[in-house]
Protein backbone atom coordinates (compact mmCIF):
# COMPACT_ATOMS: atom_id res chain seq x y z
CA MET A 1 8.26 8.93 4.15
CA THR A 2 11.13 7.24 5.98
CA SER A 3 13.73 5.11 4.28
CA ILE A 4 13.30 1.36 4.22
CA ASP A 5 15.07 -0.30 7.15
CA GLY A 6 17.50 -3.19 7.21
CA THR A 7 14.78 -5.82 7.55
CA LEU A 8 13.25 -5.09 4.16
CA ARG A 9 16.70 -4.82 2.61
CA ALA A 10 17.44 -8.27 3.98
CA ILE A 11 14.12 -9.53 2.59
CA VAL A 12 14.96 -8.12 -0.81
CA ALA A 13 18.39 -9.72 -0.54
CA ALA A 14 16.67 -13.01 0.28
CA ASP A 15 14.89 -12.65 -3.02
CA ARG A 16 18.33 -12.18 -4.64
CA LEU A 17 17.36 -8.77 -5.93
CA SER A 18 18.67 -5.26 -5.39
CA LEU A 19 16.30 -2.50 -4.35
CA SER A 20 16.34 -1.11 -7.87
CA GLU A 21 15.59 -4.55 -9.26
CA THR A 22 12.63 -4.81 -6.88
CA ILE A 23 10.80 -2.18 -8.93
CA GLY A 24 12.13 -3.35 -12.29
CA GLY A 25 15.57 -1.63 -12.30
CA GLN A 26 17.14 -3.99 -14.84
CA ASP A 27 14.17 -3.84 -17.18
CA LEU A 28 14.07 -0.07 -16.82
CA LEU A 29 17.76 0.27 -17.72
CA HIS A 30 17.36 -1.95 -20.78
CA ARG A 31 14.24 -0.18 -22.02
CA ARG A 32 15.62 3.33 -21.53
CA VAL A 33 18.98 2.66 -23.19
CA THR A 34 17.22 0.93 -26.09
CA VAL A 35 14.86 3.87 -26.63
CA PHE A 36 17.68 6.40 -26.31
CA TYR A 37 19.90 4.78 -28.93
CA GLY A 38 16.94 4.02 -31.13
CA TYR A 39 16.21 7.75 -31.43
CA PHE A 40 19.81 8.78 -31.91
CA ALA A 41 20.46 5.97 -34.40
CA LEU A 42 17.58 7.38 -36.43
CA LEU A 43 19.05 10.88 -36.16
CA GLY A 44 22.46 9.57 -37.20
CA VAL A 45 21.05 7.83 -40.26
CA LEU A 46 19.10 10.96 -41.29
CA ALA A 47 22.19 13.17 -40.79
CA ALA A 48 24.32 10.87 -42.97
CA ILE A 49 21.66 10.83 -45.69
CA VAL A 50 21.26 14.64 -45.63
CA THR A 51 25.01 15.18 -45.82
CA ARG A 52 25.34 12.73 -48.70
CA LEU A 53 22.51 14.34 -50.68
CA ARG A 54 23.34 17.94 -49.84
CA SER A 55 24.82 20.23 -52.53
CA PHE A 56 28.12 21.90 -51.55
CA PRO A 57 30.16 24.65 -53.27
CA PRO A 58 32.37 23.24 -56.07
CA ASP A 59 35.58 24.64 -54.53
CA LEU A 60 35.34 22.33 -51.48
CA ASP A 61 37.66 19.34 -51.40
CA PRO A 62 35.55 16.34 -52.49
CA ARG A 63 37.87 13.97 -50.60
CA ALA A 64 37.27 15.82 -47.34
CA LEU A 65 33.55 15.81 -47.97
CA GLY A 66 33.64 12.10 -48.69
CA PHE A 67 35.56 11.50 -45.49
CA ILE A 68 32.97 13.43 -43.46
CA VAL A 69 30.17 11.43 -45.05
CA ASP A 70 32.00 8.18 -44.27
CA VAL A 71 32.51 9.23 -40.63
CA GLN A 72 28.82 10.11 -40.23
CA THR A 73 27.79 6.86 -41.88
CA GLY A 74 30.07 4.88 -39.57
CA HIS A 75 28.59 6.64 -36.56
CA ALA A 76 25.06 5.86 -37.75
CA VAL A 77 26.06 2.22 -38.26
CA VAL A 78 27.50 2.01 -34.73
CA LEU A 79 24.37 3.51 -33.13
CA SER A 80 22.11 1.29 -35.23
CA ALA A 81 24.10 -1.80 -34.28
CA VAL A 82 23.84 -0.88 -30.60
CA PHE A 83 20.09 -0.36 -30.94
CA VAL A 84 19.54 -3.66 -32.78
CA SER A 85 21.66 -5.53 -30.21
CA LEU A 86 19.67 -4.04 -27.35
CA ARG A 87 16.34 -4.51 -29.06
CA PHE A 88 16.69 -8.16 -30.01
CA HIS A 89 19.56 -9.75 -28.10
CA VAL A 90 21.29 -8.06 -25.17
CA GLN A 91 19.59 -7.74 -21.78
CA ARG A 92 22.32 -8.34 -19.18
CA PRO A 93 22.95 -5.06 -17.29
CA ALA A 94 26.74 -5.27 -17.60
CA VAL A 95 26.55 -5.71 -21.38
CA VAL A 96 23.96 -2.94 -21.68
CA ARG A 97 26.29 -0.58 -19.81
CA ALA A 98 29.22 -1.64 -22.02
CA LEU A 99 27.28 -0.95 -25.22
CA ASP A 100 26.21 2.40 -23.80
CA ALA A 101 29.86 3.30 -23.15
CA VAL A 102 30.91 2.22 -26.66
CA ALA A 103 28.13 4.25 -28.30
CA THR A 104 28.92 7.30 -26.15
CA LEU A 105 32.62 7.13 -27.02
CA ALA A 106 31.79 6.62 -30.70
CA THR A 107 29.57 9.72 -30.65
CA ALA A 108 32.26 11.91 -29.07
CA THR A 109 34.95 10.57 -31.41
CA THR A 110 32.78 11.05 -34.49
CA ALA A 111 32.07 14.65 -33.58
CA ALA A 112 35.77 15.34 -32.90
CA VAL A 113 36.95 13.80 -36.17
CA ALA A 114 34.23 15.52 -38.18
CA LEU A 115 35.05 18.92 -36.69
CA SER A 116 38.78 18.55 -37.21
CA THR A 117 38.37 17.72 -40.92
CA VAL A 118 35.26 19.63 -42.07
CA PRO A 119 36.17 21.99 -44.98
CA PHE A 120 33.58 24.72 -44.32
CA VAL A 121 32.45 27.03 -41.50
CA VAL A 122 28.75 27.84 -41.61
CA THR A 123 27.38 27.46 -38.04
CA VAL A 124 29.00 24.04 -37.91
CA ASP A 125 30.50 24.73 -34.49
CA VAL A 126 27.17 25.91 -33.06
CA SER A 127 25.39 22.86 -34.43
CA ALA A 128 28.09 20.55 -33.08
CA VAL A 129 28.00 22.03 -29.57
CA GLY A 130 24.20 21.92 -29.64
CA PHE A 131 24.27 18.24 -30.62
CA PHE A 132 26.80 17.49 -27.85
CA VAL A 133 24.63 19.13 -25.17
CA LEU A 134 21.44 17.55 -26.53
CA PHE A 135 22.97 14.06 -26.59
CA PHE A 136 24.18 14.09 -22.99
CA VAL A 137 21.23 15.96 -21.46
CA VAL A 138 18.75 13.56 -23.06
CA ARG A 139 20.95 10.66 -21.99
CA ALA A 140 20.93 11.92 -18.38
CA ALA A 141 17.13 12.19 -18.47
CA LEU A 142 16.46 8.77 -20.03
CA VAL A 143 19.23 6.41 -18.92
CA PRO A 144 19.01 5.52 -15.16
CA THR A 145 22.49 6.59 -14.04
CA GLY A 146 23.79 8.38 -10.98
CA PRO A 147 24.61 12.09 -11.47
CA LEU A 148 28.36 11.62 -10.96
CA ILE A 149 28.54 8.86 -13.57
CA ALA A 150 26.48 10.91 -16.03
CA VAL A 151 28.77 13.93 -15.52
CA ALA A 152 31.88 11.76 -15.84
CA ALA A 153 30.63 10.34 -19.17
CA ALA A 154 29.86 13.83 -20.49
CA GLY A 155 33.15 15.27 -19.19
CA VAL A 156 35.32 12.53 -20.67
CA SER A 157 33.51 12.82 -24.00
CA ALA A 158 34.00 16.59 -23.95
CA VAL A 159 37.80 16.24 -24.15
CA PRO A 160 38.08 14.89 -27.73
CA PHE A 161 35.18 17.13 -28.69
CA ALA A 162 37.03 20.24 -27.46
CA ILE A 163 40.20 19.15 -29.26
CA GLY A 164 38.22 18.77 -32.50
CA LEU A 165 36.75 22.27 -32.02
CA ALA A 166 40.21 23.77 -31.44
CA ILE A 167 41.48 22.20 -34.67
CA PHE A 168 38.33 23.35 -36.47
CA TYR A 169 38.84 27.01 -35.46
CA ARG A 170 42.56 27.01 -36.32
CA ARG A 171 41.88 25.57 -39.79
CA ALA A 172 39.16 28.14 -40.45
CA GLY A 173 41.67 30.94 -40.88
CA ALA A 174 41.96 34.45 -39.45
CA ALA A 175 39.39 35.82 -41.89
CA LEU A 176 36.64 33.65 -40.43
CA VAL A 177 37.89 33.14 -36.84
CA PRO A 178 40.21 36.00 -35.77
CA ASP A 179 40.96 34.49 -32.34
CA PRO A 180 40.81 30.65 -32.43
CA GLY A 181 41.72 30.41 -28.72
CA ALA A 182 38.90 32.69 -27.61
CA ALA A 183 36.44 30.88 -29.89
CA THR A 184 37.55 27.54 -28.46
CA TRP A 185 37.12 28.72 -24.86
CA ALA A 186 33.71 30.13 -25.67
CA ALA A 187 32.66 26.74 -27.04
CA VAL A 188 34.19 25.00 -24.01
CA ARG A 189 32.20 27.24 -21.66
CA SER A 190 29.05 26.24 -23.52
CA MET A 191 29.98 22.60 -23.06
CA VAL A 192 30.68 23.15 -19.34
CA ALA A 193 27.21 24.66 -19.04
CA GLY A 194 25.90 21.58 -20.84
CA VAL A 195 27.73 19.28 -18.40
CA ALA A 196 26.19 21.26 -15.51
CA ALA A 197 22.78 20.74 -17.09
CA VAL A 198 23.58 17.02 -17.32
CA TYR A 199 24.30 16.99 -13.57
CA LEU A 200 21.09 18.81 -12.66
CA VAL A 201 18.92 16.64 -14.90
CA SER A 202 20.52 13.39 -13.74
CA LYS A 203 20.38 14.39 -10.07
CA THR A 204 16.70 15.30 -10.36
CA ILE A 205 15.70 12.17 -12.24
CA TYR A 206 17.91 9.88 -10.17
CA GLY A 207 16.67 11.45 -6.94
CA LEU A 208 13.04 10.91 -7.91
CA ARG A 209 13.76 7.34 -8.83
CA SER A 210 15.63 6.73 -5.58
CA ALA A 211 12.56 7.97 -3.71
CA VAL A 212 10.42 5.51 -5.64
CA GLU A 213 12.87 2.69 -4.86
CA LYS A 214 12.30 3.30 -1.17
CA ALA A 215 8.74 2.12 -1.66
CA VAL A 216 9.54 -1.57 -1.89
CA GLN A 217 6.74 -3.67 -3.32
CA LEU A 218 5.53 -6.95 -1.83
CA GLY A 219 2.97 -8.53 -4.09
CA GLN A 220 0.27 -5.96 -4.79
CA TYR A 221 1.36 -3.74 -1.89
CA VAL A 222 3.85 -0.87 -1.80
CA VAL A 223 5.69 -0.71 1.53
CA HIS A 224 6.39 2.76 2.93
CA GLU A 225 7.75 2.67 6.47
CA LYS A 226 8.18 0.51 9.55
CA ILE A 227 5.55 1.07 12.24
CA GLY A 228 6.08 -1.78 14.69
CA GLU A 229 7.92 -4.94 15.60
CA GLY A 230 7.18 -7.94 17.77
CA GLY A 231 8.49 -11.38 18.48
CA MET A 232 6.78 -12.90 15.43
CA GLY A 233 7.45 -10.27 12.78
CA VAL A 234 7.82 -6.68 11.65
CA VAL A 235 4.88 -4.49 10.61
CA TYR A 236 5.06 -1.81 7.90
CA ARG A 237 2.72 0.89 6.72
CA ALA A 238 1.82 0.16 3.10
CA SER A 239 -0.83 0.72 0.47
CA HIS A 240 -2.40 -1.34 -2.27
CA ALA A 241 -0.68 -0.55 -5.56
CA MET A 242 -3.97 -0.24 -7.46
CA LEU A 243 -6.64 0.61 -4.87
CA LYS A 244 -4.35 2.92 -2.85
CA ARG A 245 -6.01 1.53 0.28
CA PRO A 246 -3.94 2.08 3.45
CA THR A 247 -2.69 -1.28 4.65
CA ALA A 248 -0.41 -2.82 7.24
CA ILE A 249 2.02 -5.49 6.03
CA LYS A 250 3.51 -8.01 8.43
CA VAL A 251 6.59 -9.99 7.44
CA ILE A 252 9.03 -12.40 9.06
CA PRO A 253 12.58 -11.02 8.98
CA PRO A 254 14.98 -13.49 7.32
CA ASP A 255 16.94 -13.91 10.56
CA ARG A 256 13.79 -15.24 12.26
CA ALA A 257 12.41 -17.25 9.36
CA GLY A 258 13.01 -20.70 10.78
CA GLU A 259 10.65 -23.56 10.01
CA THR A 260 8.74 -23.14 13.27
CA ALA A 261 8.38 -19.37 12.84
CA VAL A 262 7.04 -19.78 9.30
CA VAL A 263 4.52 -22.39 10.42
CA ARG A 264 3.34 -20.10 13.23
CA PHE A 265 3.14 -17.17 10.86
CA GLU A 266 1.06 -19.13 8.35
CA ARG A 267 -1.16 -20.40 11.12
CA GLU A 268 -1.68 -16.86 12.40
CA VAL A 269 -2.93 -15.55 9.06
CA MET A 270 -5.04 -18.63 8.36
CA ALA A 271 -6.62 -18.46 11.81
CA ALA A 272 -7.24 -14.72 11.76
CA SER A 273 -8.71 -14.90 8.26
CA ARG A 274 -11.43 -17.24 9.60
CA LEU A 275 -12.61 -14.61 12.05
CA THR A 276 -15.11 -11.96 11.02
CA HIS A 277 -15.95 -10.21 14.27
CA PRO A 278 -15.67 -6.40 13.92
CA ASN A 279 -13.43 -6.28 17.00
CA THR A 280 -10.90 -8.61 15.39
CA ILE A 281 -8.38 -7.18 12.97
CA SER A 282 -9.28 -7.91 9.33
CA ILE A 283 -6.91 -9.84 7.05
CA TYR A 284 -6.90 -8.69 3.42
CA ASP A 285 -4.39 -10.93 1.69
CA PHE A 286 -1.27 -13.03 2.14
CA GLY A 287 1.49 -14.44 -0.01
CA ARG A 288 5.17 -15.19 -0.47
CA THR A 289 7.87 -13.27 -2.29
CA ARG A 290 10.00 -14.98 -4.92
CA GLY A 291 12.58 -15.66 -2.22
CA GLY A 292 10.01 -17.45 -0.07
CA VAL A 293 9.49 -14.63 2.43
CA PHE A 294 5.99 -14.89 3.89
CA TYR A 295 3.89 -11.77 4.45
CA TYR A 296 0.29 -10.83 4.93
CA ALA A 297 -1.74 -7.65 4.53
CA MET A 298 -4.24 -6.44 7.13
CA GLU A 299 -6.21 -3.34 7.90
CA LEU A 300 -4.16 -0.36 9.02
CA LEU A 301 -5.26 0.87 12.44
CA ASP A 302 -4.84 4.43 13.63
CA GLY A 303 -5.01 4.52 17.41
CA GLU A 304 -3.08 3.33 20.45
CA ASN A 305 -2.85 0.07 22.33
CA LEU A 306 -4.02 -0.36 25.90
CA ALA A 307 -0.47 -0.44 27.27
CA ARG A 308 0.22 3.04 25.91
CA LEU A 309 -3.18 4.24 27.06
CA VAL A 310 -2.50 3.21 30.68
CA GLU A 311 1.05 4.55 30.50
CA ARG A 312 -0.26 7.90 29.28
CA GLU A 313 -3.45 8.25 31.36
CA GLY A 314 -3.05 5.83 34.25
CA PRO A 315 -5.93 3.65 35.55
CA GLN A 316 -9.11 3.93 33.52
CA PRO A 317 -12.65 4.68 34.73
CA VAL A 318 -14.82 1.68 35.45
CA GLU A 319 -17.34 2.46 32.71
CA ARG A 320 -14.68 2.83 30.04
CA THR A 321 -12.99 -0.36 31.22
CA ARG A 322 -16.33 -2.21 31.05
CA HIS A 323 -16.86 -0.93 27.49
CA ILE A 324 -13.39 -2.07 26.38
CA LEU A 325 -13.54 -5.47 28.09
CA GLY A 326 -16.90 -6.28 26.54
CA GLN A 327 -15.50 -5.82 23.05
CA ILE A 328 -12.41 -7.91 23.79
CA ALA A 329 -14.58 -10.68 25.21
CA ALA A 330 -16.80 -10.60 22.11
CA ALA A 331 -13.83 -10.93 19.76
CA LEU A 332 -12.34 -13.78 21.80
CA GLY A 333 -15.76 -15.42 22.01
CA GLU A 334 -15.89 -15.79 18.21
CA ALA A 335 -12.38 -17.24 18.21
CA HIS A 336 -13.25 -19.72 20.96
CA ASP A 337 -16.42 -20.76 19.15
CA ALA A 338 -14.23 -21.47 16.11
CA GLY A 339 -11.93 -23.65 18.20
CA LEU A 340 -9.12 -21.08 18.41
CA VAL A 341 -7.21 -19.90 21.47
CA HIS A 342 -5.30 -16.61 21.16
CA ARG A 343 -2.72 -17.40 23.90
CA ASP A 344 -1.20 -13.91 23.91
CA VAL A 345 -3.94 -11.56 25.10
CA LYS A 346 -2.25 -8.52 26.62
CA PRO A 347 -2.64 -4.72 26.55
CA GLU A 348 -0.13 -4.41 23.70
CA ASN A 349 -2.33 -6.63 21.52
CA VAL A 350 -5.50 -4.60 21.97
CA MET A 351 -5.88 -1.39 19.96
CA LEU A 352 -8.32 1.44 20.61
CA CYS A 353 -9.44 3.11 17.39
CA THR A 354 -12.17 5.37 16.11
CA ARG A 355 -14.48 3.66 13.63
CA GLY A 356 -17.34 5.46 11.91
CA GLY A 357 -17.00 8.28 14.39
CA VAL A 358 -17.31 5.86 17.33
CA PRO A 359 -14.40 6.22 19.82
CA ASP A 360 -12.86 3.42 21.87
CA PHE A 361 -13.53 0.84 19.19
CA VAL A 362 -11.49 -2.24 20.08
CA LYS A 363 -9.39 -4.30 17.69
CA VAL A 364 -7.76 -7.52 18.95
CA LEU A 365 -4.42 -8.08 17.22
CA ASP A 366 -1.62 -10.56 16.80
CA PHE A 367 -2.83 -14.13 16.62
CA GLY A 368 0.81 -15.23 16.30
CA LEU A 369 0.50 -17.79 19.14
CA VAL A 370 -3.01 -18.92 18.29
CA LYS A 371 -3.82 -22.54 19.03
CA ASP A 372 -6.34 -24.61 17.11
CA VAL A 373 -7.71 -27.01 19.71
CA ALA A 374 -8.99 -29.32 16.96
CA SER A 375 -5.55 -29.66 15.36
CA ASP A 376 -3.02 -32.34 16.18
CA VAL A 377 -0.14 -30.31 14.76
CA LYS A 378 2.38 -29.21 17.39
CA ILE A 379 4.86 -26.47 16.59
CA THR A 380 6.28 -25.98 20.08
CA SER A 381 7.74 -28.50 22.46
CA GLU A 382 5.43 -29.70 25.18
CA ARG A 383 7.38 -27.75 27.83
CA ALA A 384 7.73 -24.52 25.82
CA ILE A 385 6.04 -21.46 27.35
CA ALA A 386 3.99 -19.51 24.81
CA GLY A 387 2.77 -16.05 25.74
CA THR A 388 3.75 -13.05 27.85
CA PRO A 389 4.58 -13.87 31.50
CA LEU A 390 2.66 -10.97 33.10
CA TYR A 391 -0.58 -12.27 31.53
CA MET A 392 -0.08 -16.06 31.61
CA ALA A 393 -2.55 -18.46 33.09
CA PRO A 394 -1.15 -21.05 35.53
CA GLU A 395 -1.78 -23.87 33.06
CA SER A 396 0.22 -22.01 30.39
CA ILE A 397 3.18 -22.21 32.76
CA LEU A 398 2.70 -25.69 34.20
CA SER A 399 1.30 -27.61 31.23
CA PRO A 400 1.28 -25.58 27.98
CA GLU A 401 -0.07 -28.54 26.01
CA THR A 402 -3.38 -28.35 27.90
CA VAL A 403 -4.04 -24.67 27.23
CA GLY A 404 -7.62 -23.91 26.21
CA PRO A 405 -10.02 -20.95 26.04
CA GLY A 406 -9.68 -20.48 29.82
CA ALA A 407 -6.13 -19.19 29.29
CA ASP A 408 -7.50 -16.30 27.25
CA VAL A 409 -10.06 -15.59 29.98
CA TYR A 410 -7.27 -15.47 32.59
CA ALA A 411 -5.29 -13.08 30.40
CA LEU A 412 -8.40 -10.95 29.91
CA GLY A 413 -8.69 -10.75 33.71
CA CYS A 414 -5.08 -9.53 33.86
CA VAL A 415 -5.83 -6.91 31.18
CA ALA A 416 -8.87 -5.77 33.19
CA TYR A 417 -6.71 -5.53 36.30
CA VAL A 418 -4.19 -3.30 34.47
CA LEU A 419 -6.94 -1.06 33.10
CA LEU A 420 -8.56 -0.60 36.51
CA THR A 421 -5.44 -0.29 38.68
CA GLY A 422 -2.58 0.62 36.35
CA ARG A 423 -0.61 -2.50 37.42
CA PRO A 424 -0.71 -6.26 36.67
CA PRO A 425 -2.10 -8.64 39.31
CA PHE A 426 1.30 -10.29 39.89
CA GLU A 427 4.69 -8.63 39.67
CA GLY A 428 8.23 -9.67 40.50
CA ASP A 429 11.88 -8.89 40.01
CA ASN A 430 12.33 -11.77 37.58
CA LEU A 431 10.43 -14.29 35.48
CA VAL A 432 10.42 -16.93 38.22
CA GLU A 433 8.71 -14.59 40.72
CA VAL A 434 6.09 -13.52 38.18
CA CYS A 435 5.27 -17.11 37.24
CA ALA A 436 5.17 -18.13 40.90
CA GLY A 437 2.59 -15.43 41.51
CA HIS A 438 0.35 -16.75 38.75
CA VAL A 439 0.65 -20.35 39.96
CA HIS A 440 0.48 -19.87 43.74
CA GLY A 441 -0.34 -16.25 44.52
CA VAL A 442 -3.70 -14.74 45.37
CA ALA A 443 -4.48 -11.45 43.66
CA GLU A 444 -5.79 -8.52 45.64
CA PRO A 445 -9.16 -7.28 44.36
CA PRO A 446 -8.81 -4.30 41.99
CA SER A 447 -10.66 -2.13 44.51
CA ALA A 448 -7.66 -2.46 46.84
CA TYR A 449 -5.83 -0.11 44.48
CA ALA A 450 -8.82 1.64 42.88
CA PRO A 451 -11.58 2.28 45.45
CA ASP A 452 -14.09 3.30 42.77
CA VAL A 453 -14.25 -0.27 41.43
CA PRO A 454 -17.62 -1.77 42.42
CA PRO A 455 -17.91 -5.23 44.02
CA GLU A 456 -19.47 -6.72 40.87
CA ILE A 457 -16.40 -5.82 38.79
CA ASP A 458 -14.08 -6.96 41.59
CA GLY A 459 -15.81 -10.32 41.65
CA LEU A 460 -15.77 -10.73 37.84
CA VAL A 461 -12.05 -9.95 37.58
CA LEU A 462 -11.14 -12.31 40.42
CA ARG A 463 -13.24 -15.07 38.83
CA CYS A 464 -11.24 -14.62 35.62
CA LEU A 465 -8.06 -15.01 37.71
CA GLU A 466 -9.07 -18.33 39.25
CA LYS A 467 -6.26 -20.93 39.19
CA SER A 468 -8.48 -23.61 37.70
CA PRO A 469 -9.70 -23.02 34.12
CA GLU A 470 -13.01 -24.67 34.99
CA ALA A 471 -13.67 -22.07 37.69
CA ARG A 472 -13.37 -19.18 35.29
CA PRO A 473 -16.31 -17.76 33.33
CA THR A 474 -16.49 -18.11 29.57
CA THR A 475 -16.16 -15.09 27.31
CA ARG A 476 -19.90 -15.22 26.67
CA GLU A 477 -20.57 -15.14 30.41
CA ILE A 478 -18.19 -12.20 30.77
CA GLU A 479 -20.12 -10.35 28.04
CA ALA A 480 -23.41 -10.98 29.81
CA ALA A 481 -22.01 -9.91 33.19
CA LEU A 482 -20.58 -6.70 31.74
CA ASP A 483 -23.83 -5.92 29.97
CA ALA A 484 -25.74 -6.46 33.22
């Protein structure tokens, strides 16, 4: 899986969320910290109760014992107050972090004070070090924090803890602890091992979570990686969060999300969703993020477009070309019957896939410039050129407002020309020369470059390239001619 690119980061920023917030980072932080301090508040309360009820030898100083009990009780009160605040009131991330820091410091201070004043030595040091390691390892596993921050919290807390241990061993006396310095260093080494465990646990958990954050979610779809980009939007490989169905998600990058682009994008999905032909790409769903970013989900196609096919293999055999053109014509025929004009038919917008074990199955893509001939809504100026110059009909150049189904037929003729010859019918060193060729030039028959092309195919392609839309065949007539 690749990392999410800048476009999705910008989209998330448009929603005023961080990547971690996209998958519930704030809620996760609040829930985890609440659960963590809920458990340790309960442990603190139980420890204070056990110490208060426990029977100690009569020779121990009752004032010292009372002080220890008071310290434990205060610690339990602090943890309980933090838990109650998190559970019922506090949710802001900054305040949650502050309460976490206060509770962590209180825990380290409580342990240090208790160790430095405890009047007995019966595995107290072992229990204290064990509690220290347990507290910070569990914290690293539960609380979503980077490994360096988790280690810093444990390391800073270890300082007063180590000082309390040193005092504890010196007060124990030579009879119980012959070498207080060595005992202190032994305990410190155990704590260093605990801090190392904190790093490993936090790095593992944080790394897994970072990997999950890379799968940004748009609606019901989890986005994995970028697979393509065009003038109208960016396409990502994704999957449905529940069904796990492979999906392609198309979005408008925020830097292109002007009013006109959004209208075109919405029109594309609405138009394509009306089409049901198997050779037209299927639309699953569409929606907007909280920041107003429009996206739609469509079937994920595994294959290659015609441009890459010709680049890789060169001119295609006549029979294969006939098979491909018939499917394109059928898909466009449904669109034309529905009153829609694609306006950007080109090799890059035609995919060859394998469906049900059938190779060379065509899918017509990208209805981003589709025109509804029954609609009065105009989203481009009357003189704006819509389409790709190498495949534009003369009327698309001279009078874009009059473009109809014939423009798609002309573009289909250009696609046929590329498939048969490996080159477009009109070329030039600049846009003006290419457009002049479409408007005034006369295309050579495909057989001039590919001698195997029969006269019937030559004639059909040249009819599609007629200057007048009325002189061109319809998509249904092209289907019939190809079938014949």
